[in-house]
Amino acid sequence: MDKIRTELHKIDINNVVEISKFYKKHRTYYENLNNALDKMTLEEFILVKHKYCNALDKQKQFNEASILVEQCYKLLDRLKGKSSEYYLSLQENTLFWDGVILGRLKKYSESNEKFEELIVINPNNDVYQKWYYSNKEWISKKKFDFLEYVLLAIMVFNLLFGKQIFGKQVFYFQVPIVIILVVWFVYRIIYKKNRIN
């Protein structure tokens, strides 16, 4: 344990390559959460896992990173009663990585739950704000995409079977759909233009 800690102090933990090599070399030690019982070791484990989360995020290994985040929550539970001066910052950072990884996994609503908590903790943090609004855009986009497919499906169905179902009244069914589609596509063009600007 002392040997691993000495090696940890010798590397630049903010360097993605160095922390990746270090964590992989000592994975067995850091994956066994029973090795972290005292306050100092718990803090160290959480910090190392946060730094490795950053490396995994850069390497697009999001599923592995989400496992680390879950481990951090377990470690935080143990750290809670140990009067750690770093508890709140480690908890905030765990929430941050949870939100980031959920966002990367396209779980935008769940990600935003984490960023809502983070904005309460630190309302002036620009990174939290950017993630929150970016997630909101993705949530809206998913809804818009779904609605677009529904409208197009209705239009295709109407073109194929409209006359058979509605007879001469098909015109009254087609006109509103065409108007909705035109308004929809104009809205999409304006929306995309505003996002670029």
C-alpha atoms as a PDB file:
ATOM      1  CA  MET A   1       0.000   0.000   0.000  1.00  0.00           C
ATOM      2  CA  ASP A   2       2.769   2.480   0.920  1.00  0.00           C
ATOM      3  CA  LYS A   3       4.622   1.527  -2.255  1.00  0.00           C
ATOM      4  CA  ILE A   4       1.536   2.268  -4.395  1.00  0.00           C
ATOM      5  CA  ARG A   5       0.966   5.578  -2.608  1.00  0.00           C
ATOM      6  CA  THR A   6       4.613   6.590  -3.164  1.00  0.00           C
ATOM      7  CA  GLU A   7       4.259   5.762  -6.858  1.00  0.00           C
ATOM      8  CA  LEU A   8       1.024   7.780  -6.981  1.00  0.00           C
ATOM      9  CA  HIS A   9       2.815  10.856  -5.631  1.00  0.00           C
ATOM     10  CA  LYS A  10       5.464  10.546  -8.335  1.00  0.00           C
ATOM     11  CA  ILE A  11       3.054  10.686 -11.292  1.00  0.00           C
ATOM     12  CA  ASP A  12       1.091  13.612 -12.704  1.00  0.00           C
ATOM     13  CA  ILE A  13      -2.445  12.451 -11.900  1.00  0.00           C
ATOM     14  CA  ASN A  14      -3.888  15.048 -14.293  1.00  0.00           C
ATOM     15  CA  ASN A  15      -2.007  13.440 -17.171  1.00  0.00           C
ATOM     16  CA  VAL A  16      -4.412  11.053 -18.915  1.00  0.00           C
ATOM     17  CA  VAL A  17      -1.672   8.667 -20.066  1.00  0.00           C
ATOM     18  CA  GLU A  18       0.080   8.504 -16.694  1.00  0.00           C
ATOM     19  CA  ILE A  19      -3.069   7.974 -14.631  1.00  0.00           C
ATOM     20  CA  SER A  20      -4.284   5.308 -17.094  1.00  0.00           C
ATOM     21  CA  LYS A  21      -1.019   3.366 -16.830  1.00  0.00           C
ATOM     22  CA  PHE A  22      -0.976   3.753 -13.051  1.00  0.00           C
ATOM     23  CA  TYR A  23      -4.595   2.632 -12.582  1.00  0.00           C
ATOM     24  CA  LYS A  24      -4.278  -0.338 -14.914  1.00  0.00           C
ATOM     25  CA  LYS A  25      -1.087  -1.424 -13.151  1.00  0.00           C
ATOM     26  CA  HIS A  26      -2.785  -1.267  -9.728  1.00  0.00           C
ATOM     27  CA  ARG A  27      -6.349  -2.112 -10.809  1.00  0.00           C
ATOM     28  CA  THR A  28      -6.620  -5.082  -8.420  1.00  0.00           C
ATOM     29  CA  TYR A  29      -5.769  -2.842  -5.471  1.00  0.00           C
ATOM     30  CA  TYR A  30      -8.151  -0.003  -6.412  1.00  0.00           C
ATOM     31  CA  GLU A  31     -11.007  -2.294  -7.477  1.00  0.00           C
ATOM     32  CA  ASN A  32     -11.028  -3.989  -4.073  1.00  0.00           C
ATOM     33  CA  LEU A  33     -12.962  -1.399  -2.072  1.00  0.00           C
ATOM     34  CA  ASN A  34     -12.148  -3.274   1.144  1.00  0.00           C
ATOM     35  CA  ASN A  35      -8.610  -1.873   0.841  1.00  0.00           C
ATOM     36  CA  ALA A  36     -10.077   1.573   1.608  1.00  0.00           C
ATOM     37  CA  LEU A  37     -11.118   1.741   5.234  1.00  0.00           C
ATOM     38  CA  ASP A  38      -9.408   4.733   6.847  1.00  0.00           C
ATOM     39  CA  LYS A  39     -10.137   8.362   5.924  1.00  0.00           C
ATOM     40  CA  MET A  40      -6.921   9.020   4.000  1.00  0.00           C
ATOM     41  CA  THR A  41      -7.215   5.873   1.869  1.00  0.00           C
ATOM     42  CA  LEU A  42     -10.886   6.521   1.121  1.00  0.00           C
ATOM     43  CA  GLU A  43     -10.039  10.047  -0.070  1.00  0.00           C
ATOM     44  CA  GLU A  44      -7.169   8.701  -2.161  1.00  0.00           C
ATOM     45  CA  PHE A  45      -9.326   5.993  -3.776  1.00  0.00           C
ATOM     46  CA  ILE A  46     -12.041   8.478  -4.739  1.00  0.00           C
ATOM     47  CA  LEU A  47      -9.524  10.978  -6.113  1.00  0.00           C
ATOM     48  CA  VAL A  48      -7.722   8.325  -8.186  1.00  0.00           C
ATOM     49  CA  LYS A  49     -11.048   7.049  -9.545  1.00  0.00           C
ATOM     50  CA  HIS A  50     -12.083  10.598 -10.508  1.00  0.00           C
ATOM     51  CA  LYS A  51      -8.825  11.115 -12.379  1.00  0.00           C
ATOM     52  CA  TYR A  52      -9.185   7.766 -14.104  1.00  0.00           C
ATOM     53  CA  CYS A  53     -12.808   8.664 -15.003  1.00  0.00           C
ATOM     54  CA  ASN A  54     -11.399  11.680 -16.819  1.00  0.00           C
ATOM     55  CA  ALA A  55      -8.986   9.403 -18.723  1.00  0.00           C
ATOM     56  CA  LEU A  56     -11.782   6.961 -19.594  1.00  0.00           C
ATOM     57  CA  ASP A  57     -13.970   9.840 -20.767  1.00  0.00           C
ATOM     58  CA  LYS A  58     -11.201  10.968 -23.139  1.00  0.00           C
ATOM     59  CA  GLN A  59     -10.835   7.362 -24.370  1.00  0.00           C
ATOM     60  CA  LYS A  60     -14.642   7.089 -24.823  1.00  0.00           C
ATOM     61  CA  GLN A  61     -14.871   4.137 -22.429  1.00  0.00           C
ATOM     62  CA  PHE A  62     -18.061   5.344 -20.807  1.00  0.00           C
ATOM     63  CA  ASN A  63     -19.404   2.036 -19.464  1.00  0.00           C
ATOM     64  CA  GLU A  64     -16.205   1.388 -17.529  1.00  0.00           C
ATOM     65  CA  ALA A  65     -16.305   4.971 -16.221  1.00  0.00           C
ATOM     66  CA  SER A  66     -19.879   4.492 -14.970  1.00  0.00           C
ATOM     67  CA  ILE A  67     -18.698   1.496 -12.892  1.00  0.00           C
ATOM     68  CA  LEU A  68     -16.033   3.738 -11.305  1.00  0.00           C
ATOM     69  CA  VAL A  69     -18.657   6.363 -10.476  1.00  0.00           C
ATOM     70  CA  GLU A  70     -20.759   3.746  -8.661  1.00  0.00           C
ATOM     71  CA  GLN A  71     -17.674   2.707  -6.697  1.00  0.00           C
ATOM     72  CA  CYS A  72     -17.072   6.360  -5.760  1.00  0.00           C
ATOM     73  CA  TYR A  73     -20.587   6.601  -4.302  1.00  0.00           C
ATOM     74  CA  LYS A  74     -19.916   3.522  -2.144  1.00  0.00           C
ATOM     75  CA  LEU A  75     -16.626   5.006  -0.970  1.00  0.00           C
ATOM     76  CA  LEU A  76     -18.320   8.341  -0.203  1.00  0.00           C
ATOM     77  CA  ASP A  77     -20.843   6.517   2.001  1.00  0.00           C
ATOM     78  CA  ARG A  78     -17.938   5.176   4.066  1.00  0.00           C
ATOM     79  CA  LEU A  79     -16.186   8.548   4.130  1.00  0.00           C
ATOM     80  CA  LYS A  80     -19.300  10.389   5.329  1.00  0.00           C
ATOM     81  CA  GLY A  81     -18.809   9.716   9.031  1.00  0.00           C
ATOM     82  CA  LYS A  82     -15.053  10.269   9.093  1.00  0.00           C
ATOM     83  CA  SER A  83     -14.874  14.125   9.350  1.00  0.00           C
ATOM     84  CA  SER A  84     -13.154  14.504   5.982  1.00  0.00           C
ATOM     85  CA  GLU A  85     -12.423  18.098   4.975  1.00  0.00           C
ATOM     86  CA  TYR A  86     -12.517  16.906   1.334  1.00  0.00           C
ATOM     87  CA  TYR A  87     -15.870  15.118   1.564  1.00  0.00           C
ATOM     88  CA  LEU A  88     -17.972  17.865  -0.039  1.00  0.00           C
ATOM     89  CA  SER A  89     -15.575  18.493  -2.932  1.00  0.00           C
ATOM     90  CA  LEU A  90     -15.224  14.738  -3.579  1.00  0.00           C
ATOM     91  CA  GLN A  91     -19.004  14.372  -3.487  1.00  0.00           C
ATOM     92  CA  GLU A  92     -19.415  17.292  -5.932  1.00  0.00           C
ATOM     93  CA  ASN A  93     -16.809  15.812  -8.271  1.00  0.00           C
ATOM     94  CA  THR A  94     -18.505  12.393  -8.143  1.00  0.00           C
ATOM     95  CA  LEU A  95     -21.820  14.018  -9.059  1.00  0.00           C
ATOM     96  CA  PHE A  96     -20.064  15.809 -11.916  1.00  0.00           C
ATOM     97  CA  TRP A  97     -18.588  12.621 -13.364  1.00  0.00           C
ATOM     98  CA  ASP A  98     -21.909  10.839 -12.908  1.00  0.00           C
ATOM     99  CA  GLY A  99     -23.616  13.594 -14.911  1.00  0.00           C
ATOM    100  CA  VAL A 100     -20.931  13.613 -17.599  1.00  0.00           C
ATOM    101  CA  ILE A 101     -20.923   9.846 -18.103  1.00  0.00           C
ATOM    102  CA  LEU A 102     -24.731   9.644 -18.153  1.00  0.00           C
ATOM    103  CA  GLY A 103     -24.703  12.392 -20.787  1.00  0.00           C
ATOM    104  CA  ARG A 104     -22.104  10.537 -22.859  1.00  0.00           C
ATOM    105  CA  LEU A 105     -24.323   7.435 -22.656  1.00  0.00           C
ATOM    106  CA  LYS A 106     -27.191   9.567 -24.058  1.00  0.00           C
ATOM    107  CA  LYS A 107     -29.157   9.359 -20.792  1.00  0.00           C
ATOM    108  CA  TYR A 108     -29.804  13.089 -20.933  1.00  0.00           C
ATOM    109  CA  SER A 109     -32.655  13.332 -18.407  1.00  0.00           C
ATOM    110  CA  GLU A 110     -30.714  11.345 -15.793  1.00  0.00           C
ATOM    111  CA  SER A 111     -27.621  13.417 -16.534  1.00  0.00           C
ATOM    112  CA  ASN A 112     -29.577  16.616 -15.989  1.00  0.00           C
ATOM    113  CA  GLU A 113     -30.768  15.424 -12.589  1.00  0.00           C
ATOM    114  CA  LYS A 114     -27.103  15.394 -11.541  1.00  0.00           C
ATOM    115  CA  PHE A 115     -26.409  18.805 -13.073  1.00  0.00           C
ATOM    116  CA  GLU A 116     -29.490  20.274 -11.365  1.00  0.00           C
ATOM    117  CA  GLU A 117     -27.995  19.147  -8.044  1.00  0.00           C
ATOM    118  CA  LEU A 118     -24.607  20.591  -9.024  1.00  0.00           C
ATOM    119  CA  ILE A 119     -26.119  23.956  -9.994  1.00  0.00           C
ATOM    120  CA  VAL A 120     -27.736  24.137  -6.536  1.00  0.00           C
ATOM    121  CA  ILE A 121     -24.317  23.429  -4.980  1.00  0.00           C
ATOM    122  CA  ASN A 122     -22.447  25.856  -7.253  1.00  0.00           C
ATOM    123  CA  PRO A 123     -24.792  28.092  -9.290  1.00  0.00           C
ATOM    124  CA  ASN A 124     -21.957  30.127 -10.863  1.00  0.00           C
ATOM    125  CA  ASN A 125     -20.118  27.168 -12.382  1.00  0.00           C
ATOM    126  CA  ASP A 126     -20.134  27.678 -16.176  1.00  0.00           C
ATOM    127  CA  VAL A 127     -19.306  24.015 -16.911  1.00  0.00           C
ATOM    128  CA  TYR A 128     -22.362  22.815 -14.965  1.00  0.00           C
ATOM    129  CA  GLN A 129     -24.550  25.379 -16.740  1.00  0.00           C
ATOM    130  CA  LYS A 130     -23.252  24.358 -20.199  1.00  0.00           C
ATOM    131  CA  TRP A 131     -23.854  20.681 -19.529  1.00  0.00           C
ATOM    132  CA  TYR A 132     -27.341  21.417 -18.176  1.00  0.00           C
ATOM    133  CA  TYR A 133     -28.430  23.427 -21.235  1.00  0.00           C
ATOM    134  CA  SER A 134     -26.735  21.041 -23.657  1.00  0.00           C
ATOM    135  CA  ASN A 135     -28.672  18.142 -22.107  1.00  0.00           C
ATOM    136  CA  LYS A 136     -31.898  20.141 -22.384  1.00  0.00           C
ATOM    137  CA  GLU A 137     -31.223  20.658 -26.102  1.00  0.00           C
ATOM    138  CA  TRP A 138     -30.616  16.937 -26.616  1.00  0.00           C
ATOM    139  CA  ILE A 139     -33.833  16.089 -24.736  1.00  0.00           C
ATOM    140  CA  SER A 140     -35.767  18.524 -26.962  1.00  0.00           C
ATOM    141  CA  LYS A 141     -34.070  17.168 -30.080  1.00  0.00           C
ATOM    142  CA  LYS A 142     -35.110  13.605 -29.228  1.00  0.00           C
ATOM    143  CA  LYS A 143     -38.722  14.765 -28.788  1.00  0.00           C
ATOM    144  CA  PHE A 144     -38.611  16.765 -32.035  1.00  0.00           C
ATOM    145  CA  ASP A 145     -37.098  13.848 -33.956  1.00  0.00           C
ATOM    146  CA  PHE A 146     -39.818  11.515 -32.697  1.00  0.00           C
ATOM    147  CA  LEU A 147     -42.562  14.001 -33.634  1.00  0.00           C
ATOM    148  CA  GLU A 148     -40.987  14.474 -37.071  1.00  0.00           C
ATOM    149  CA  TYR A 149     -41.056  10.714 -37.718  1.00  0.00           C
ATOM    150  CA  VAL A 150     -44.688  10.524 -36.580  1.00  0.00           C
ATOM    151  CA  LEU A 151     -45.671  13.378 -38.930  1.00  0.00           C
ATOM    152  CA  LEU A 152     -43.837  11.806 -41.861  1.00  0.00           C
ATOM    153  CA  ALA A 153     -45.404   8.415 -41.122  1.00  0.00           C
ATOM    154  CA  ILE A 154     -48.880   9.992 -41.080  1.00  0.00           C
ATOM    155  CA  MET A 155     -48.109  11.755 -44.384  1.00  0.00           C
ATOM    156  CA  VAL A 156     -46.898   8.547 -46.068  1.00  0.00           C
ATOM    157  CA  PHE A 157     -49.879   6.603 -44.702  1.00  0.00           C
ATOM    158  CA  ASN A 158     -52.200   9.334 -45.984  1.00  0.00           C
ATOM    159  CA  LEU A 159     -50.623   9.293 -49.462  1.00  0.00           C
ATOM    160  CA  LEU A 160     -50.891   5.500 -49.694  1.00  0.00           C
ATOM    161  CA  PHE A 161     -54.283   4.865 -48.089  1.00  0.00           C
ATOM    162  CA  GLY A 162     -55.928   8.290 -47.672  1.00  0.00           C
ATOM    163  CA  LYS A 163     -58.327   8.054 -50.629  1.00  0.00           C
ATOM    164  CA  GLN A 164     -59.418   4.539 -49.687  1.00  0.00           C
ATOM    165  CA  ILE A 165     -60.154   5.546 -46.077  1.00  0.00           C
ATOM    166  CA  PHE A 166     -61.462   9.114 -46.452  1.00  0.00           C
ATOM    167  CA  GLY A 167     -62.714   9.086 -50.053  1.00  0.00           C
ATOM    168  CA  LYS A 168     -63.480  12.577 -51.328  1.00  0.00           C
ATOM    169  CA  GLN A 169     -62.912  13.992 -47.835  1.00  0.00           C
ATOM    170  CA  VAL A 170     -59.177  13.155 -48.030  1.00  0.00           C
ATOM    171  CA  PHE A 171     -58.400  16.758 -48.974  1.00  0.00           C
ATOM    172  CA  TYR A 172     -59.576  17.940 -45.520  1.00  0.00           C
ATOM    173  CA  PHE A 173     -57.203  15.484 -43.912  1.00  0.00           C
ATOM    174  CA  GLN A 174     -54.209  16.188 -46.175  1.00  0.00           C
ATOM    175  CA  VAL A 175     -54.218  20.001 -45.980  1.00  0.00           C
ATOM    176  CA  PRO A 176     -53.664  20.263 -42.176  1.00  0.00           C
ATOM    177  CA  ILE A 177     -50.893  17.644 -42.353  1.00  0.00           C
ATOM    178  CA  VAL A 178     -49.115  19.494 -45.174  1.00  0.00           C
ATOM    179  CA  ILE A 179     -49.437  22.798 -43.263  1.00  0.00           C
ATOM    180  CA  ILE A 180     -48.066  21.206 -40.088  1.00  0.00           C
ATOM    181  CA  LEU A 181     -45.132  19.700 -42.013  1.00  0.00           C
ATOM    182  CA  VAL A 182     -44.299  23.004 -43.735  1.00  0.00           C
ATOM    183  CA  VAL A 183     -44.454  24.906 -40.418  1.00  0.00           C
ATOM    184  CA  TRP A 184     -42.387  22.149 -38.819  1.00  0.00           C
ATOM    185  CA  PHE A 185     -39.607  22.290 -41.442  1.00  0.00           C
ATOM    186  CA  VAL A 186     -39.520  26.116 -41.366  1.00  0.00           C
ATOM    187  CA  TYR A 187     -39.210  25.935 -37.561  1.00  0.00           C
ATOM    188  CA  ARG A 188     -36.358  23.380 -37.864  1.00  0.00           C
ATOM    189  CA  ILE A 189     -34.469  25.626 -40.311  1.00  0.00           C
ATOM    190  CA  ILE A 190     -34.854  28.690 -38.037  1.00  0.00           C
ATOM    191  CA  TYR A 191     -33.925  26.605 -34.961  1.00  0.00           C
ATOM    192  CA  LYS A 192     -30.731  25.288 -36.614  1.00  0.00           C
ATOM    193  CA  LYS A 193     -29.818  28.785 -37.832  1.00  0.00           C
ATOM    194  CA  ASN A 194     -30.174  30.219 -34.317  1.00  0.00           C
ATOM    195  CA  ARG A 195     -28.038  27.408 -32.859  1.00  0.00           C
ATOM    196  CA  ILE A 196     -25.226  28.172 -35.323  1.00  0.00           C
ATOM    197  CA  ASN A 197     -25.418  31.908 -34.560  1.00  0.00           C
END
